[in-house]
Protein backbone atom coordinates (compact mmCIF):
# COMPACT_ATOMS: atom_id res chain seq x y z
CA MET A 1 -13.99 47.35 -70.39
CA ASN A 2 -14.34 50.33 -72.71
CA LEU A 3 -16.96 53.18 -72.66
CA SER A 4 -19.07 51.69 -75.47
CA THR A 5 -19.41 48.42 -73.54
CA LEU A 6 -20.35 50.27 -70.40
CA GLY A 7 -22.87 52.39 -72.36
CA ILE A 8 -24.47 49.22 -73.85
CA GLY A 9 -24.67 47.73 -70.40
CA TYR A 10 -26.24 50.84 -68.92
CA VAL A 11 -28.93 50.93 -71.59
CA ALA A 12 -29.54 47.21 -71.29
CA ILE A 13 -30.13 47.54 -67.53
CA GLY A 14 -32.40 50.54 -68.11
CA THR A 15 -34.42 48.59 -70.68
CA ALA A 16 -34.75 45.61 -68.37
CA VAL A 17 -35.98 47.80 -65.53
CA ALA A 18 -38.45 49.54 -67.79
CA ILE A 19 -39.91 46.21 -68.97
CA ALA A 20 -40.10 44.98 -65.39
CA ALA A 21 -41.80 48.21 -64.28
CA ALA A 22 -44.34 47.96 -67.11
CA ALA A 23 -45.05 44.38 -66.12
CA VAL A 24 -45.98 45.40 -62.62
CA ARG A 25 -47.66 48.60 -63.67
CA ARG A 26 -45.13 50.89 -62.06
CA CYS A 27 -44.36 52.37 -65.52
CA ARG A 28 -47.62 54.08 -66.54
CA THR A 29 -46.61 56.19 -69.53
CA ALA A 30 -44.15 56.20 -72.42
CA SER A 31 -42.25 59.07 -70.90
CA ASP A 32 -41.84 57.03 -67.70
CA ALA A 33 -40.33 54.22 -69.80
CA VAL A 34 -37.90 56.61 -71.42
CA LEU A 35 -36.87 57.97 -68.01
CA LEU A 36 -36.34 54.50 -66.74
CA VAL A 37 -34.12 53.54 -69.61
CA GLY A 38 -32.03 56.70 -69.52
CA LEU A 39 -32.02 57.55 -65.79
CA TRP A 40 -32.76 54.27 -63.98
CA PRO A 41 -30.37 54.86 -61.15
CA LEU A 42 -32.54 57.83 -59.92
CA TRP A 43 -36.00 56.74 -61.28
CA ALA A 44 -36.08 53.06 -60.70
CA PRO A 45 -35.89 52.97 -56.91
CA LEU A 46 -38.81 55.43 -56.77
CA ALA A 47 -40.79 53.65 -59.44
CA PHE A 48 -40.72 50.34 -57.53
CA ALA A 49 -41.03 51.84 -54.08
CA ARG A 50 -44.80 51.96 -53.75
CA PRO A 51 -47.89 50.66 -55.74
CA THR A 52 -49.21 54.18 -56.09
CA THR A 53 -47.46 57.61 -56.02
CA ASP A 54 -48.84 61.05 -55.31
CA HIS A 55 -49.21 63.08 -58.47
CA ARG A 56 -47.08 65.93 -57.08
CA GLU A 57 -44.28 63.43 -56.21
CA ARG A 58 -44.44 61.93 -59.65
CA GLU A 59 -44.29 65.36 -61.25
CA LEU A 60 -41.33 66.31 -59.10
CA LEU A 61 -39.42 63.13 -59.91
CA ALA A 62 -40.16 63.50 -63.56
CA ALA A 63 -39.01 67.08 -63.64
CA LEU A 64 -35.73 66.20 -61.85
CA ALA A 65 -35.12 63.31 -64.13
CA ARG A 66 -35.62 65.44 -67.23
CA ALA A 67 -33.44 68.13 -65.83
CA GLN A 68 -30.79 65.49 -65.02
CA ALA A 69 -30.58 64.78 -68.76
CA SER A 70 -29.83 68.43 -69.48
CA PRO A 71 -26.91 70.77 -68.54
CA LEU A 72 -28.92 71.55 -65.42
CA ALA A 73 -27.73 68.31 -63.88
CA GLN A 74 -24.82 70.07 -62.22
CA VAL A 75 -27.07 72.10 -59.91
CA LEU A 76 -29.58 69.37 -59.02
CA PRO A 77 -29.72 67.49 -55.75
CA ASP A 78 -28.35 63.97 -55.79
CA ALA A 79 -30.56 60.91 -56.06
CA GLU A 80 -30.85 60.31 -52.32
CA SER A 81 -31.75 64.00 -51.60
CA ALA A 82 -34.29 63.81 -54.44
CA ARG A 83 -35.95 60.82 -52.80
CA VAL A 84 -36.03 62.56 -49.48
CA LEU A 85 -37.59 65.74 -51.00
CA ALA A 86 -40.09 63.68 -52.94
CA ALA A 87 -41.17 61.83 -49.88
CA ARG A 88 -41.60 65.14 -48.00
CA LEU A 89 -43.81 66.48 -50.89
CA ARG A 90 -45.92 63.31 -50.83
CA GLU A 91 -46.40 63.65 -47.17
CA ALA A 92 -47.59 67.23 -47.49
CA SER A 93 -50.07 66.33 -50.30
CA VAL A 94 -51.52 63.51 -48.16
CA ARG A 95 -51.89 65.83 -45.16
CA LEU A 96 -53.71 68.48 -47.28
CA VAL A 97 -56.19 65.83 -48.48
CA GLU A 98 -56.73 64.68 -44.84
CA LEU A 99 -57.31 68.26 -43.68
CA ASP A 100 -59.85 68.75 -46.46
CA GLU A 101 -61.73 65.67 -45.46
CA VAL A 102 -61.63 66.50 -41.71
CA LEU A 103 -62.72 70.07 -42.12
CA ALA A 104 -65.62 69.05 -44.29
CA ARG A 105 -67.25 67.29 -41.34
CA PRO A 106 -70.31 69.10 -39.92
CA ASP A 107 -68.96 68.92 -36.39
CA PHE A 108 -65.83 70.70 -37.54
CA ASP A 109 -67.80 73.84 -38.69
CA PRO A 110 -66.48 76.64 -36.54
CA ALA A 111 -69.79 78.58 -36.89
CA LEU A 112 -71.69 75.71 -35.40
CA VAL A 113 -69.26 75.19 -32.60
CA GLU A 114 -69.35 78.96 -31.81
CA LYS A 115 -73.10 78.74 -31.63
CA ARG A 116 -72.86 75.72 -29.33
CA ALA A 117 -70.42 77.70 -27.06
CA THR A 118 -72.84 80.62 -26.85
CA GLU A 119 -75.80 78.33 -25.92
CA LEU A 120 -73.73 76.66 -23.21
CA GLN A 121 -72.66 80.09 -21.83
CA ALA A 122 -76.35 81.21 -21.75
CA ARG A 123 -77.25 78.10 -19.73
CA GLY A 124 -74.48 78.76 -17.25
CA ALA A 125 -72.42 75.71 -18.34
CA LEU A 126 -69.23 77.78 -18.15
CA ALA A 127 -66.69 74.90 -18.21
CA ALA A 128 -68.42 73.29 -21.26
CA ALA A 129 -68.60 76.69 -23.00
CA ALA A 130 -64.86 77.28 -22.40
CA THR A 131 -64.16 73.87 -23.92
CA ALA A 132 -66.29 74.72 -26.95
CA GLN A 133 -64.47 77.98 -27.39
CA LEU A 134 -61.17 76.06 -27.22
CA ARG A 135 -62.43 73.92 -30.09
CA VAL A 136 -63.27 76.94 -32.09
CA ARG A 137 -59.72 78.16 -31.71
CA THR A 138 -58.38 74.76 -32.62
CA LEU A 139 -60.53 74.62 -35.78
CA GLY A 140 -59.28 78.04 -36.75
CA GLN A 141 -55.74 76.77 -36.43
CA LEU A 142 -56.56 73.75 -38.61
CA ARG A 143 -58.04 75.94 -41.32
CA GLN A 144 -55.08 78.24 -41.17
CA LEU A 145 -52.83 75.18 -41.52
CA ARG A 146 -54.81 73.99 -44.46
CA GLU A 147 -54.38 77.28 -46.26
CA ARG A 148 -50.60 77.22 -45.52
CA TYR A 149 -50.34 73.69 -47.07
CA ARG A 150 -52.40 74.79 -50.06
CA SER A 151 -50.28 77.88 -50.60
CA GLU A 152 -46.94 76.15 -50.22
CA LEU A 153 -47.99 73.28 -52.54
CA ASP A 154 -49.36 75.75 -55.15
CA GLU A 155 -45.91 77.37 -55.12
CA VAL A 156 -44.12 74.07 -55.42
CA ASP A 157 -46.33 73.09 -58.38
CA GLU A 158 -45.26 76.26 -60.21
CA LEU A 159 -41.60 75.77 -59.41
CA ILE A 160 -41.76 72.18 -60.74
CA ALA A 161 -43.44 73.42 -63.96
CA GLN A 162 -40.80 76.14 -64.28
CA LEU A 163 -38.03 73.53 -63.77
CA VAL A 164 -39.35 71.53 -66.67
CA ALA A 165 -39.53 74.59 -68.89
CA GLN A 166 -36.07 75.71 -67.74
CA ALA A 167 -34.59 72.30 -68.51
CA GLU A 168 -35.88 72.57 -72.09
CA LEU A 169 -34.50 76.03 -72.43
CA VAL A 170 -31.11 75.10 -71.10
CA ARG A 171 -31.04 71.99 -73.38
CA LEU A 172 -31.31 74.45 -76.29
CA GLN A 173 -29.00 77.03 -74.76
CA PRO A 174 -26.49 75.26 -72.54
CA SER A 175 -24.53 78.42 -71.85
CA ILE A 176 -27.32 79.74 -69.52
CA ALA A 177 -27.28 76.67 -67.27
CA HIS A 178 -25.44 78.55 -64.51
CA THR A 179 -28.36 81.08 -64.28
CA SER A 180 -30.77 78.26 -63.16
CA GLY A 181 -29.21 77.51 -59.77
CA GLU A 182 -31.53 79.88 -57.98
CA LEU A 183 -34.66 78.14 -59.34
CA VAL A 184 -33.34 74.77 -58.07
CA ARG A 185 -32.43 76.34 -54.66
CA GLU A 186 -35.84 77.94 -54.37
CA LEU A 187 -37.55 74.56 -55.08
CA VAL A 188 -35.36 72.72 -52.55
CA THR A 189 -35.97 75.47 -49.95
CA ARG A 190 -39.76 75.24 -50.40
CA LEU A 191 -39.68 71.48 -50.05
CA GLU A 192 -37.42 71.53 -47.01
CA GLY A 193 -39.67 74.25 -45.49
CA LEU A 194 -42.61 71.84 -45.40
CA ASP A 195 -41.04 70.43 -42.16
CA ASP A 196 -42.21 73.66 -40.48
CA LEU A 197 -45.75 72.84 -41.34
CA PHE A 198 -45.35 69.26 -40.15
CA ALA A 199 -44.00 70.56 -36.87
CA TYR A 200 -46.82 73.02 -36.41
CA GLN A 201 -49.44 70.37 -37.16
CA ALA A 202 -47.89 68.23 -34.40
CA LYS A 203 -48.09 71.24 -32.00
CA ILE A 204 -51.83 71.71 -32.64
CA ASP A 205 -52.49 68.35 -31.03
CA GLY A 206 -50.79 69.76 -27.93
CA GLY A 207 -52.92 72.92 -28.00
CA LEU A 208 -49.95 75.18 -28.70
CA ALA A 209 -50.21 78.67 -30.19
CA GLU A 210 -50.43 80.27 -33.51
CA TYR A 211 -48.34 79.54 -36.62
CA PRO A 212 -45.65 82.20 -37.07
CA ALA A 213 -45.97 84.55 -40.05
CA ALA A 214 -44.74 83.11 -43.39
CA GLU A 215 -41.28 84.04 -44.31
CA GLU A 216 -40.49 85.70 -47.63
CA HIS A 217 -38.86 83.37 -50.16
CA SER A 218 -36.76 84.73 -53.05
CA SER A 219 -38.04 83.92 -56.50
């Protein structure tokens, strides 16, 4: 079997996958269809994995797929690693939405809970007041956690956008591909670092202490 035959078969499979994805509404845009045809080994498993996909996850996968079609391919994570990173990003996005919803509840307003604690203290209900103060501290931790999620996801958004732009630049100037490795490493480091936030969120349920200071990441 020669290379031309293999190439035709590759494109044929990609086209079939794109048609199937469009039929079940997993392929929402023309760019998705192009990515499926050209990069179906990476894109197809993710396109069919779930009925809906978080917008950040979609942007990450699209950025990686486009970069895969450029000289940047040599510094990108492999398909399985990309799926793991995308799932981690989706989870962080979902958790941020959940935190926004929870902290919007009136009973999760720290000022109101603080007022309640003061009233209980004045009435001599010391045990109840101490519990209310504990809730104030927990709400503070949740708000701090939300800001960390928001900050980290904002940084990831910018790194994804830069990866897309860098892929276009490298496509036009292939000789500078080796200079883009740091960008990819920074993106991967940020995504892997989301596990620290997941772990801290789990500890909040156990009433454990404050989140450690954010580490500096190289840009």
